[in-house]
């Protein structure tokens, strides 16, 4: 009998449905792996950032000690000490923000 290509249409529709289902299965299994890899890369970058921030904090603390010593000898004004302390506190704050980001990224894994 003549069915006007209905069987071929049904076969194509079944193949499309199978492709869609298999794609959704692949996505369901690959997406967590991709997210995990992205999170690990983010942690690596945050670790590097924490190292740079630790160096910046160390240098800011040295600058504060130097400014305080220079102030005690009468070589600089008090504003220089206050500015060095402000810079040191800013570096501490940024280091804590990086640490917070590391902790949140670890929990997200």
PDB file of N, CA and C in Angstrom:
ATOM      1  N   UNK A   1       0.825  -1.183   0.000  1.00  0.00           N
ATOM      2  CA  UNK A   1       0.000   0.000   0.000  1.00  0.00           C
ATOM      3  C   UNK A   1       0.870   1.249   0.000  1.00  0.00           C
ATOM      4  N   UNK A   2       0.298   2.275  -0.483  1.00  0.00           N
ATOM      5  CA  UNK A   2       0.988   3.559  -0.546  1.00  0.00           C
ATOM      6  C   UNK A   2       0.640   4.364   0.705  1.00  0.00           C
ATOM      7  N   UNK A   3       1.686   4.781   1.483  1.00  0.00           N
ATOM      8  CA  UNK A   3       1.428   5.527   2.722  1.00  0.00           C
ATOM      9  C   UNK A   3       2.004   6.935   2.668  1.00  0.00           C
ATOM     10  N   UNK A   4       2.376   7.385   1.502  1.00  0.00           N
ATOM     11  CA  UNK A   4       2.845   8.761   1.265  1.00  0.00           C
ATOM     12  C   UNK A   4       4.083   9.106   2.082  1.00  0.00           C
ATOM     13  N   UNK A   5       4.959   8.148   2.308  1.00  0.00           N
ATOM     14  CA  UNK A   5       6.212   8.427   3.003  1.00  0.00           C
ATOM     15  C   UNK A   5       6.104   8.511   4.503  1.00  0.00           C
ATOM     16  N   UNK A   6       4.983   8.027   5.011  1.00  0.00           N
ATOM     17  CA  UNK A   6       4.770   8.133   6.455  1.00  0.00           C
ATOM     18  C   UNK A   6       5.766   7.277   7.231  1.00  0.00           C
ATOM     19  N   UNK A   7       6.098   6.110   6.761  1.00  0.00           N
ATOM     20  CA  UNK A   7       7.042   5.241   7.469  1.00  0.00           C
ATOM     21  C   UNK A   7       8.418   5.907   7.524  1.00  0.00           C
ATOM     22  N   UNK A   8       8.858   6.479   6.419  1.00  0.00           N
ATOM     23  CA  UNK A   8      10.145   7.191   6.407  1.00  0.00           C
ATOM     24  C   UNK A   8      10.142   8.374   7.361  1.00  0.00           C
ATOM     25  N   UNK A   9       9.013   9.080   7.410  1.00  0.00           N
ATOM     26  CA  UNK A   9       8.887  10.205   8.329  1.00  0.00           C
ATOM     27  C   UNK A   9       8.968   9.726   9.778  1.00  0.00           C
ATOM     28  N   UNK A  10       8.280   8.626  10.081  1.00  0.00           N
ATOM     29  CA  UNK A  10       8.312   8.085  11.443  1.00  0.00           C
ATOM     30  C   UNK A  10       9.715   7.628  11.829  1.00  0.00           C
ATOM     31  N   UNK A  11      10.434   7.051  10.887  1.00  0.00           N
ATOM     32  CA  UNK A  11      11.810   6.621  11.147  1.00  0.00           C
ATOM     33  C   UNK A  11      12.690   7.838  11.437  1.00  0.00           C
ATOM     34  N   UNK A  12      12.560   8.883  10.648  1.00  0.00           N
ATOM     35  CA  UNK A  12      13.347  10.096  10.868  1.00  0.00           C
ATOM     36  C   UNK A  12      13.016  10.730  12.216  1.00  0.00           C
ATOM     37  N   UNK A  13      11.743  10.732  12.557  1.00  0.00           N
ATOM     38  CA  UNK A  13      11.318  11.307  13.834  1.00  0.00           C
ATOM     39  C   UNK A  13      11.883  10.484  15.000  1.00  0.00           C
ATOM     40  N   UNK A  14      11.891   9.163  14.875  1.00  0.00           N
ATOM     41  CA  UNK A  14      12.436   8.297  15.921  1.00  0.00           C
ATOM     42  C   UNK A  14      13.945   8.508  16.061  1.00  0.00           C
ATOM     43  N   UNK A  15      14.643   8.653  14.930  1.00  0.00           N
ATOM     44  CA  UNK A  15      16.081   8.907  14.980  1.00  0.00           C
ATOM     45  C   UNK A  15      16.377  10.246  15.664  1.00  0.00           C
ATOM     46  N   UNK A  16      15.572  11.258  15.358  1.00  0.00           N
ATOM     47  CA  UNK A  16      15.754  12.571  15.984  1.00  0.00           C
ATOM     48  C   UNK A  16      15.503  12.498  17.480  1.00  0.00           C
ATOM     49  N   UNK A  17      14.462  11.760  17.876  1.00  0.00           N
ATOM     50  CA  UNK A  17      14.167  11.617  19.303  1.00  0.00           C
ATOM     51  C   UNK A  17      15.294  10.874  20.006  1.00  0.00           C
ATOM     52  N   UNK A  18      15.821   9.831  19.362  1.00  0.00           N
ATOM     53  CA  UNK A  18      16.937   9.083  19.937  1.00  0.00           C
ATOM     54  C   UNK A  18      18.161   9.983  20.084  1.00  0.00           C
ATOM     55  N   UNK A  19      18.450  10.775  19.064  1.00  0.00           N
ATOM     56  CA  UNK A  19      19.582  11.698  19.130  1.00  0.00           C
ATOM     57  C   UNK A  19      19.427  12.717  20.240  1.00  0.00           C
ATOM     58  N   UNK A  20      18.208  13.226  20.402  1.00  0.00           N
ATOM     59  CA  UNK A  20      17.942  14.210  21.447  1.00  0.00           C
ATOM     60  C   UNK A  20      18.108  13.583  22.827  1.00  0.00           C
ATOM     61  N   UNK A  21      17.616  12.362  22.994  1.00  0.00           N
ATOM     62  CA  UNK A  21      17.728  11.677  24.287  1.00  0.00           C
ATOM     63  C   UNK A  21      19.190  11.350  24.586  1.00  0.00           C
ATOM     64  N   UNK A  22      19.911  10.840  23.600  1.00  0.00           N
ATOM     65  CA  UNK A  22      21.314  10.503  23.843  1.00  0.00           C
ATOM     66  C   UNK A  22      22.138  11.763  24.130  1.00  0.00           C
ATOM     67  N   UNK A  23      21.816  12.868  23.481  1.00  0.00           N
ATOM     68  CA  UNK A  23      22.514  14.127  23.760  1.00  0.00           C
ATOM     69  C   UNK A  23      22.233  14.601  25.177  1.00  0.00           C
ATOM     70  N   UNK A  24      20.994  14.486  25.634  1.00  0.00           N
ATOM     71  CA  UNK A  24      20.675  14.915  26.997  1.00  0.00           C
ATOM     72  C   UNK A  24      21.373  14.029  28.024  1.00  0.00           C
ATOM     73  N   UNK A  25      21.543  12.742  27.701  1.00  0.00           N
ATOM     74  CA  UNK A  25      22.274  11.851  28.612  1.00  0.00           C
ATOM     75  C   UNK A  25      23.745  12.248  28.665  1.00  0.00           C
ATOM     76  N   UNK A  26      24.338  12.523  27.516  1.00  0.00           N
ATOM     77  CA  UNK A  26      25.742  12.941  27.475  1.00  0.00           C
ATOM     78  C   UNK A  26      25.924  14.237  28.258  1.00  0.00           C
ATOM     79  N   UNK A  27      25.027  15.171  28.072  1.00  0.00           N
ATOM     80  CA  UNK A  27      25.114  16.449  28.797  1.00  0.00           C
ATOM     81  C   UNK A  27      24.967  16.213  30.291  1.00  0.00           C
ATOM     82  N   UNK A  28      24.038  15.341  30.677  1.00  0.00           N
ATOM     83  CA  UNK A  28      23.813  15.078  32.102  1.00  0.00           C
ATOM     84  C   UNK A  28      25.052  14.485  32.765  1.00  0.00           C
ATOM     85  N   UNK A  29      25.809  13.671  32.030  1.00  0.00           N
ATOM     86  CA  UNK A  29      26.994  13.069  32.617  1.00  0.00           C
ATOM     87  C   UNK A  29      28.252  13.921  32.449  1.00  0.00           C
ATOM     88  N   UNK A  30      28.317  14.714  31.418  1.00  0.00           N
ATOM     89  CA  UNK A  30      29.520  15.514  31.165  1.00  0.00           C
ATOM     90  C   UNK A  30      29.505  16.855  31.891  1.00  0.00           C
ATOM     91  N   UNK A  31      28.340  17.412  32.126  1.00  0.00           N
ATOM     92  CA  UNK A  31      28.252  18.740  32.754  1.00  0.00           C
ATOM     93  C   UNK A  31      28.866  18.765  34.151  1.00  0.00           C
ATOM     94  N   UNK A  32      28.571  17.792  35.032  1.00  0.00           N
ATOM     95  CA  UNK A  32      29.236  17.825  36.349  1.00  0.00           C
ATOM     96  C   UNK A  32      30.753  17.721  36.244  1.00  0.00           C
ATOM     97  N   UNK A  33      31.234  16.927  35.307  1.00  0.00           N
ATOM     98  CA  UNK A  33      32.680  16.797  35.121  1.00  0.00           C
ATOM     99  C   UNK A  33      33.283  18.121  34.663  1.00  0.00           C
ATOM    100  N   UNK A  34      32.596  18.798  33.750  1.00  0.00           N
ATOM    101  CA  UNK A  34      33.072  20.094  33.269  1.00  0.00           C
ATOM    102  C   UNK A  34      33.080  21.105  34.398  1.00  0.00           C
ATOM    103  N   UNK A  35      32.018  21.130  35.190  1.00  0.00           N
ATOM    104  CA  UNK A  35      31.953  22.068  36.320  1.00  0.00           C
ATOM    105  C   UNK A  35      33.070  21.795  37.318  1.00  0.00           C
ATOM    106  N   UNK A  36      33.348  20.514  37.550  1.00  0.00           N
ATOM    107  CA  UNK A  36      34.393  20.135  38.482  1.00  0.00           C
ATOM    108  C   UNK A  36      35.747  20.617  37.979  1.00  0.00           C
ATOM    109  N   UNK A  37      36.004  20.440  36.685  1.00  0.00           N
ATOM    110  CA  UNK A  37      37.271  20.895  36.109  1.00  0.00           C
ATOM    111  C   UNK A  37      37.405  22.411  36.185  1.00  0.00           C
ATOM    112  N   UNK A  38      36.317  23.122  35.932  1.00  0.00           N
ATOM    113  CA  UNK A  38      36.337  24.583  36.017  1.00  0.00           C
ATOM    114  C   UNK A  38      36.591  25.025  37.453  1.00  0.00           C
ATOM    115  N   UNK A  39      35.974  24.339  38.413  1.00  0.00           N
ATOM    116  CA  UNK A  39      36.184  24.686  39.823  1.00  0.00           C
ATOM    117  C   UNK A  39      37.630  24.451  40.245  1.00  0.00           C
ATOM    118  N   UNK A  40      38.213  23.348  39.777  1.00  0.00           N
ATOM    119  CA  UNK A  40      39.618  23.082  40.108  1.00  0.00           C
ATOM    120  C   UNK A  40      40.540  24.135  39.497  1.00  0.00           C
ATOM    121  N   UNK A  41      40.243  24.542  38.273  1.00  0.00           N
ATOM    122  CA  UNK A  41      41.053  25.594  37.643  1.00  0.00           C
ATOM    123  C   UNK A  41      40.902  26.898  38.416  1.00  0.00           C
ATOM    124  N   UNK A  42      39.690  27.184  38.865  1.00  0.00           N
ATOM    125  CA  UNK A  42      39.465  28.383  39.667  1.00  0.00           C
ATOM    126  C   UNK A  42      40.236  28.345  40.972  1.00  0.00           C
ATOM    127  N   UNK A  43      40.289  27.183  41.593  1.00  0.00           N
ATOM    128  CA  UNK A  43      41.061  27.049  42.837  1.00  0.00           C
ATOM    129  C   UNK A  43      42.550  27.260  42.595  1.00  0.00           C
ATOM    130  N   UNK A  44      43.040  26.764  41.473  1.00  0.00           N
ATOM    131  CA  UNK A  44      44.459  26.952  41.146  1.00  0.00           C
ATOM    132  C   UNK A  44      44.763  28.438  40.970  1.00  0.00           C
ATOM    133  N   UNK A  45      43.881  29.136  40.285  1.00  0.00           N
ATOM    134  CA  UNK A  45      44.075  30.573  40.072  1.00  0.00           C
ATOM    135  C   UNK A  45      43.989  31.323  41.393  1.00  0.00           C
ATOM    136  N   UNK A  46      43.038  30.936  42.243  1.00  0.00           N
ATOM    137  CA  UNK A  46      42.926  31.577  43.555  1.00  0.00           C
ATOM    138  C   UNK A  46      44.151  31.300  44.414  1.00  0.00           C
ATOM    139  N   UNK A  47      44.748  30.128  44.269  1.00  0.00           N
ATOM    140  CA  UNK A  47      45.964  29.820  45.020  1.00  0.00           C
ATOM    141  C   UNK A  47      47.110  30.729  44.588  1.00  0.00           C
ATOM    142  N   UNK A  48      47.249  30.925  43.290  1.00  0.00           N
ATOM    143  CA  UNK A  48      48.271  31.851  42.791  1.00  0.00           C
ATOM    144  C   UNK A  48      48.009  33.265  43.297  1.00  0.00           C
ATOM    145  N   UNK A  49      46.748  33.672  43.253  1.00  0.00           N
ATOM    146  CA  UNK A  49      46.389  35.006  43.722  1.00  0.00           C
ATOM    147  C   UNK A  49      46.701  35.144  45.210  1.00  0.00           C
ATOM    148  N   UNK A  50      46.464  34.101  45.986  1.00  0.00           N
ATOM    149  CA  UNK A  50      46.760  34.142  47.420  1.00  0.00           C
ATOM    150  C   UNK A  50      48.259  34.286  47.664  1.00  0.00           C
ATOM    151  N   UNK A  51      49.059  33.631  46.845  1.00  0.00           N
ATOM    152  CA  UNK A  51      50.515  33.756  46.991  1.00  0.00           C
ATOM    153  C   UNK A  51      50.967  35.184  46.697  1.00  0.00           C
ATOM    154  N   UNK A  52      50.435  35.767  45.621  1.00  0.00           N
ATOM    155  CA  UNK A  52      50.794  37.156  45.296  1.00  0.00           C
ATOM    156  C   UNK A  52      50.309  38.109  46.386  1.00  0.00           C
ATOM    157  N   UNK A  53      49.137  37.824  46.913  1.00  0.00           N
ATOM    158  CA  UNK A  53      48.585  38.687  47.955  1.00  0.00           C
ATOM    159  C   UNK A  53      49.403  38.568  49.233  1.00  0.00           C
ATOM    160  N   UNK A  54      49.912  37.388  49.535  1.00  0.00           N
ATOM    161  CA  UNK A  54      50.763  37.210  50.719  1.00  0.00           C
ATOM    162  C   UNK A  54      52.049  38.014  50.574  1.00  0.00           C
ATOM    163  N   UNK A  55      52.596  38.031  49.368  1.00  0.00           N
ATOM    164  CA  UNK A  55      53.800  38.836  49.118  1.00  0.00           C
ATOM    165  C   UNK A  55      53.492  40.318  49.285  1.00  0.00           C
ATOM    166  N   UNK A  56      52.354  40.740  48.770  1.00  0.00           N
ATOM    167  CA  UNK A  56      51.964  42.148  48.902  1.00  0.00           C
ATOM    168  C   UNK A  56      51.755  42.516  50.365  1.00  0.00           C
ATOM    169  N   UNK A  57      51.155  41.619  51.127  1.00  0.00           N
ATOM    170  CA  UNK A  57      50.935  41.873  52.555  1.00  0.00           C
ATOM    171  C   UNK A  57      52.263  41.966  53.298  1.00  0.00           C
ATOM    172  N   UNK A  58      53.176  41.078  52.982  1.00  0.00           N
ATOM    173  CA  UNK A  58      54.494  41.104  53.619  1.00  0.00           C
ATOM    174  C   UNK A  58      55.214  42.424  53.327  1.00  0.00           C
ATOM    175  N   UNK A  59      55.159  42.855  52.078  1.00  0.00           N
ATOM    176  CA  UNK A  59      55.805  44.119  51.709  1.00  0.00           C
ATOM    177  C   UNK A  59      55.123  45.315  52.366  1.00  0.00           C
ATOM    178  N   UNK A  60      53.800  45.267  52.475  1.00  0.00           N
ATOM    179  CA  UNK A  60      53.084  46.366  53.129  1.00  0.00           C
ATOM    180  C   UNK A  60      53.443  46.437  54.611  1.00  0.00           C
ATOM    181  N   UNK A  61      53.583  45.290  55.245  1.00  0.00           N
ATOM    182  CA  UNK A  61      53.977  45.285  56.657  1.00  0.00           C
ATOM    183  C   UNK A  61      55.396  45.821  56.841  1.00  0.00           C
ATOM    184  N   UNK A  62      56.295  45.467  55.924  1.00  0.00           N
ATOM    185  CA  UNK A  62      57.658  46.016  55.982  1.00  0.00           C
ATOM    186  C   UNK A  62      57.649  47.526  55.811  1.00  0.00           C
ATOM    187  N   UNK A  63      56.808  48.011  54.899  1.00  0.00           N
ATOM    188  CA  UNK A  63      56.709  49.456  54.677  1.00  0.00           C
ATOM    189  C   UNK A  63      56.178  50.159  55.918  1.00  0.00           C
ATOM    190  N   UNK A  64      55.240  49.508  56.607  1.00  0.00           N
ATOM    191  CA  UNK A  64      54.709  50.088  57.844  1.00  0.00           C
ATOM    192  C   UNK A  64      55.787  50.168  58.914  1.00  0.00           C
ATOM    193  N   UNK A  65      56.570  49.108  59.060  1.00  0.00           N
ATOM    194  CA  UNK A  65      57.666  49.127  60.035  1.00  0.00           C
ATOM    195  C   UNK A  65      58.702  50.191  59.693  1.00  0.00           C
ATOM    196  N   UNK A  66      59.006  50.313  58.414  1.00  0.00           N
ATOM    197  CA  UNK A  66      59.974  51.314  57.978  1.00  0.00           C
ATOM    198  C   UNK A  66      59.449  52.729  58.231  1.00  0.00           C
ATOM    199  N   UNK A  67      58.190  52.966  57.911  1.00  0.00           N
ATOM    200  CA  UNK A  67      57.601  54.292  58.131  1.00  0.00           C
ATOM    201  C   UNK A  67      57.564  54.627  59.618  1.00  0.00           C
ATOM    202  N   UNK A  68      57.255  53.638  60.448  1.00  0.00           N
ATOM    203  CA  UNK A  68      57.217  53.872  61.899  1.00  0.00           C
ATOM    204  C   UNK A  68      58.608  54.199  62.422  1.00  0.00           C
ATOM    205  N   UNK A  69      59.604  53.471  61.942  1.00  0.00           N
ATOM    206  CA  UNK A  69      60.984  53.735  62.384  1.00  0.00           C
ATOM    207  C   UNK A  69      61.437  55.123  61.927  1.00  0.00           C
ATOM    208  N   UNK A  70      61.087  55.495  60.713  1.00  0.00           N
ATOM    209  CA  UNK A  70      61.460  56.824  60.209  1.00  0.00           C
ATOM    210  C   UNK A  70      60.733  57.925  60.987  1.00  0.00           C
ATOM    211  N   UNK A  71      59.491  57.654  61.370  1.00  0.00           N
ATOM    212  CA  UNK A  71      58.740  58.637  62.162  1.00  0.00           C
ATOM    213  C   UNK A  71      59.367  58.804  63.541  1.00  0.00           C
ATOM    214  N   UNK A  72      59.760  57.689  64.143  1.00  0.00           N
ATOM    215  CA  UNK A  72      60.368  57.750  65.474  1.00  0.00           C
ATOM    216  C   UNK A  72      61.687  58.518  65.465  1.00  0.00           C
ATOM    217  N   UNK A  73      62.383  58.531  64.335  1.00  0.00           N
ATOM    218  CA  UNK A  73      63.633  59.278  64.224  1.00  0.00           C
ATOM    219  C   UNK A  73      63.406  60.712  63.751  1.00  0.00           C
ATOM    220  N   UNK A  74      62.140  61.050  63.498  1.00  0.00           N
ATOM    221  CA  UNK A  74      61.805  62.413  63.107  1.00  0.00           C
ATOM    222  C   UNK A  74      62.044  62.713  61.638  1.00  0.00           C
ATOM    223  N   UNK A  75      62.126  61.693  60.811  1.00  0.00           N
ATOM    224  CA  UNK A  75      62.422  61.913  59.397  1.00  0.00           C
ATOM    225  C   UNK A  75      61.173  62.132  58.547  1.00  0.00           C
ATOM    226  N   UNK A  76      60.027  61.628  59.011  1.00  0.00           N
ATOM    227  CA  UNK A  76      58.788  61.777  58.234  1.00  0.00           C
ATOM    228  C   UNK A  76      57.659  62.208  59.158  1.00  0.00           C
ATOM    229  N   UNK A  77      56.590  62.656  58.552  1.00  0.00           N
ATOM    230  CA  UNK A  77      55.424  63.088  59.318  1.00  0.00           C
ATOM    231  C   UNK A  77      54.564  61.870  59.683  1.00  0.00           C
ATOM    232  N   UNK A  78      53.667  62.068  60.627  1.00  0.00           N
ATOM    233  CA  UNK A  78      52.789  61.003  61.076  1.00  0.00           C
ATOM    234  C   UNK A  78      51.872  60.516  59.949  1.00  0.00           C
ATOM    235  N   UNK A  79      51.562  61.381  59.020  1.00  0.00           N
ATOM    236  CA  UNK A  79      50.685  61.000  57.915  1.00  0.00           C
ATOM    237  C   UNK A  79      51.298  59.870  57.087  1.00  0.00           C
ATOM    238  N   UNK A  80      52.628  59.833  57.010  1.00  0.00           N
ATOM    239  CA  UNK A  80      53.291  58.752  56.277  1.00  0.00           C
ATOM    240  C   UNK A  80      53.092  57.409  56.981  1.00  0.00           C
ATOM    241  N   UNK A  81      53.127  57.420  58.304  1.00  0.00           N
ATOM    242  CA  UNK A  81      52.899  56.192  59.073  1.00  0.00           C
ATOM    243  C   UNK A  81      51.448  55.737  58.901  1.00  0.00           C
ATOM    244  N   UNK A  82      50.541  56.690  58.991  1.00  0.00           N
ATOM    245  CA  UNK A  82      49.118  56.364  58.837  1.00  0.00           C
ATOM    246  C   UNK A  82      48.840  55.807  57.445  1.00  0.00           C
ATOM    247  N   UNK A  83      49.467  56.393  56.427  1.00  0.00           N
ATOM    248  CA  UNK A  83      49.280  55.909  55.064  1.00  0.00           C
ATOM    249  C   UNK A  83      49.839  54.493  54.908  1.00  0.00           C
ATOM    250  N   UNK A  84      50.980  54.202  55.506  1.00  0.00           N
ATOM    251  CA  UNK A  84      51.562  52.859  55.443  1.00  0.00           C
ATOM    252  C   UNK A  84      50.673  51.848  56.164  1.00  0.00           C
ATOM    253  N   UNK A  85      50.113  52.266  57.290  1.00  0.00           N
ATOM    254  CA  UNK A  85      49.206  51.379  58.021  1.00  0.00           C
ATOM    255  C   UNK A  85      47.928  51.117  57.217  1.00  0.00           C
ATOM    256  N   UNK A  86      47.436  52.146  56.549  1.00  0.00           N
ATOM    257  CA  UNK A  86      46.241  51.991  55.715  1.00  0.00           C
ATOM    258  C   UNK A  86      46.509  51.001  54.589  1.00  0.00           C
ATOM    259  N   UNK A  87      47.675  51.125  53.974  1.00  0.00           N
ATOM    260  CA  UNK A  87      48.042  50.206  52.897  1.00  0.00           C
ATOM    261  C   UNK A  87      48.164  48.784  53.416  1.00  0.00           C
ATOM    262  N   UNK A  88      48.730  48.626  54.601  1.00  0.00           N
ATOM    263  CA  UNK A  88      48.868  47.300  55.200  1.00  0.00           C
ATOM    264  C   UNK A  88      47.498  46.694  55.510  1.00  0.00           C
ATOM    265  N   UNK A  89      46.607  47.492  56.055  1.00  0.00           N
ATOM    266  CA  UNK A  89      45.258  46.995  56.354  1.00  0.00           C
ATOM    267  C   UNK A  89      44.496  46.640  55.081  1.00  0.00           C
ATOM    268  N   UNK A  90      44.693  47.408  54.035  1.00  0.00           N
ATOM    269  CA  UNK A  90      44.058  47.108  52.749  1.00  0.00           C
ATOM    270  C   UNK A  90      44.577  45.774  52.201  1.00  0.00           C
ATOM    271  N   UNK A  91      45.876  45.541  52.329  1.00  0.00           N
ATOM    272  CA  UNK A  91      46.459  44.276  51.867  1.00  0.00           C
ATOM    273  C   UNK A  91      45.927  43.101  52.684  1.00  0.00           C
ATOM    274  N   UNK A  92      45.752  43.301  53.996  1.00  0.00           N
ATOM    275  CA  UNK A  92      45.176  42.254  54.839  1.00  0.00           C
ATOM    276  C   UNK A  92      43.737  41.951  54.413  1.00  0.00           C
ATOM    277  N   UNK A  93      42.995  42.990  54.136  1.00  0.00           N
ATOM    278  CA  UNK A  93      41.600  42.825  53.711  1.00  0.00           C
ATOM    279  C   UNK A  93      41.522  42.053  52.399  1.00  0.00           C
ATOM    280  N   UNK A  94      42.384  42.392  51.455  1.00  0.00           N
ATOM    281  CA  UNK A  94      42.383  41.694  50.168  1.00  0.00           C
ATOM    282  C   UNK A  94      42.807  40.240  50.329  1.00  0.00           C
ATOM    283  N   UNK A  95      43.763  39.978  51.215  1.00  0.00           N
ATOM    284  CA  UNK A  95      44.190  38.597  51.467  1.00  0.00           C
ATOM    285  C   UNK A  95      43.040  37.779  52.055  1.00  0.00           C
ATOM    286  N   UNK A  96      42.280  38.388  52.937  1.00  0.00           N
ATOM    287  CA  UNK A  96      41.126  37.698  53.515  1.00  0.00           C
ATOM    288  C   UNK A  96      40.038  37.456  52.474  1.00  0.00           C
ATOM    289  N   UNK A  97      39.866  38.391  51.544  1.00  0.00           N
ATOM    290  CA  UNK A  97      38.880  38.198  50.485  1.00  0.00           C
ATOM    291  C   UNK A  97      39.269  37.032  49.582  1.00  0.00           C
ATOM    292  N   UNK A  98      40.555  36.904  49.293  1.00  0.00           N
ATOM    293  CA  UNK A  98      41.027  35.777  48.478  1.00  0.00           C
ATOM    294  C   UNK A  98      40.814  34.469  49.238  1.00  0.00           C
ATOM    295  N   UNK A  99      41.131  34.463  50.526  1.00  0.00           N
ATOM    296  CA  UNK A  99      40.929  33.272  51.344  1.00  0.00           C
ATOM    297  C   UNK A  99      39.447  32.890  51.373  1.00  0.00           C
ATOM    298  N   UNK A 100      38.581  33.874  51.510  1.00  0.00           N
ATOM    299  CA  UNK A 100      37.141  33.636  51.490  1.00  0.00           C
ATOM    300  C   UNK A 100      36.711  33.029  50.155  1.00  0.00           C
ATOM    301  N   UNK A 101      37.236  33.545  49.076  1.00  0.00           N
ATOM    302  CA  UNK A 101      36.901  33.005  47.756  1.00  0.00           C
ATOM    303  C   UNK A 101      37.380  31.567  47.608  1.00  0.00           C
ATOM    304  N   UNK A 102      38.564  31.273  48.154  1.00  0.00           N
ATOM    305  CA  UNK A 102      39.077  29.903  48.120  1.00  0.00           C
ATOM    306  C   UNK A 102      38.159  28.956  48.886  1.00  0.00           C
ATOM    307  N   UNK A 103      37.732  29.399  50.033  1.00  0.00           N
ATOM    308  CA  UNK A 103      36.853  28.550  50.851  1.00  0.00           C
ATOM    309  C   UNK A 103      35.516  28.310  50.155  1.00  0.00           C
ATOM    310  N   UNK A 104      34.949  29.354  49.574  1.00  0.00           N
ATOM    311  CA  UNK A 104      33.678  29.194  48.861  1.00  0.00           C
ATOM    312  C   UNK A 104      33.823  28.278  47.648  1.00  0.00           C
ATOM    313  N   UNK A 105      34.934  28.392  46.947  1.00  0.00           N
ATOM    314  CA  UNK A 105      35.157  27.533  45.771  1.00  0.00           C
ATOM    315  C   UNK A 105      35.358  26.074  46.208  1.00  0.00           C
ATOM    316  N   UNK A 106      36.012  25.880  47.333  1.00  0.00           N
ATOM    317  CA  UNK A 106      36.207  24.521  47.828  1.00  0.00           C
ATOM    318  C   UNK A 106      34.876  23.890  48.226  1.00  0.00           C
ATOM    319  N   UNK A 107      34.032  24.652  48.885  1.00  0.00           N
ATOM    320  CA  UNK A 107      32.718  24.145  49.282  1.00  0.00           C
ATOM    321  C   UNK A 107      31.858  23.849  48.056  1.00  0.00           C
ATOM    322  N   UNK A 108      32.011  24.653  47.010  1.00  0.00           N
ATOM    323  CA  UNK A 108      31.217  24.464  45.796  1.00  0.00           C
ATOM    324  C   UNK A 108      31.594  23.176  45.061  1.00  0.00           C
ATOM    325  N   UNK A 109      32.797  22.657  45.308  1.00  0.00           N
ATOM    326  CA  UNK A 109      33.198  21.400  44.674  1.00  0.00           C
ATOM    327  C   UNK A 109      32.314  20.292  45.187  1.00  0.00           C
TER     328      UNK A 109
END
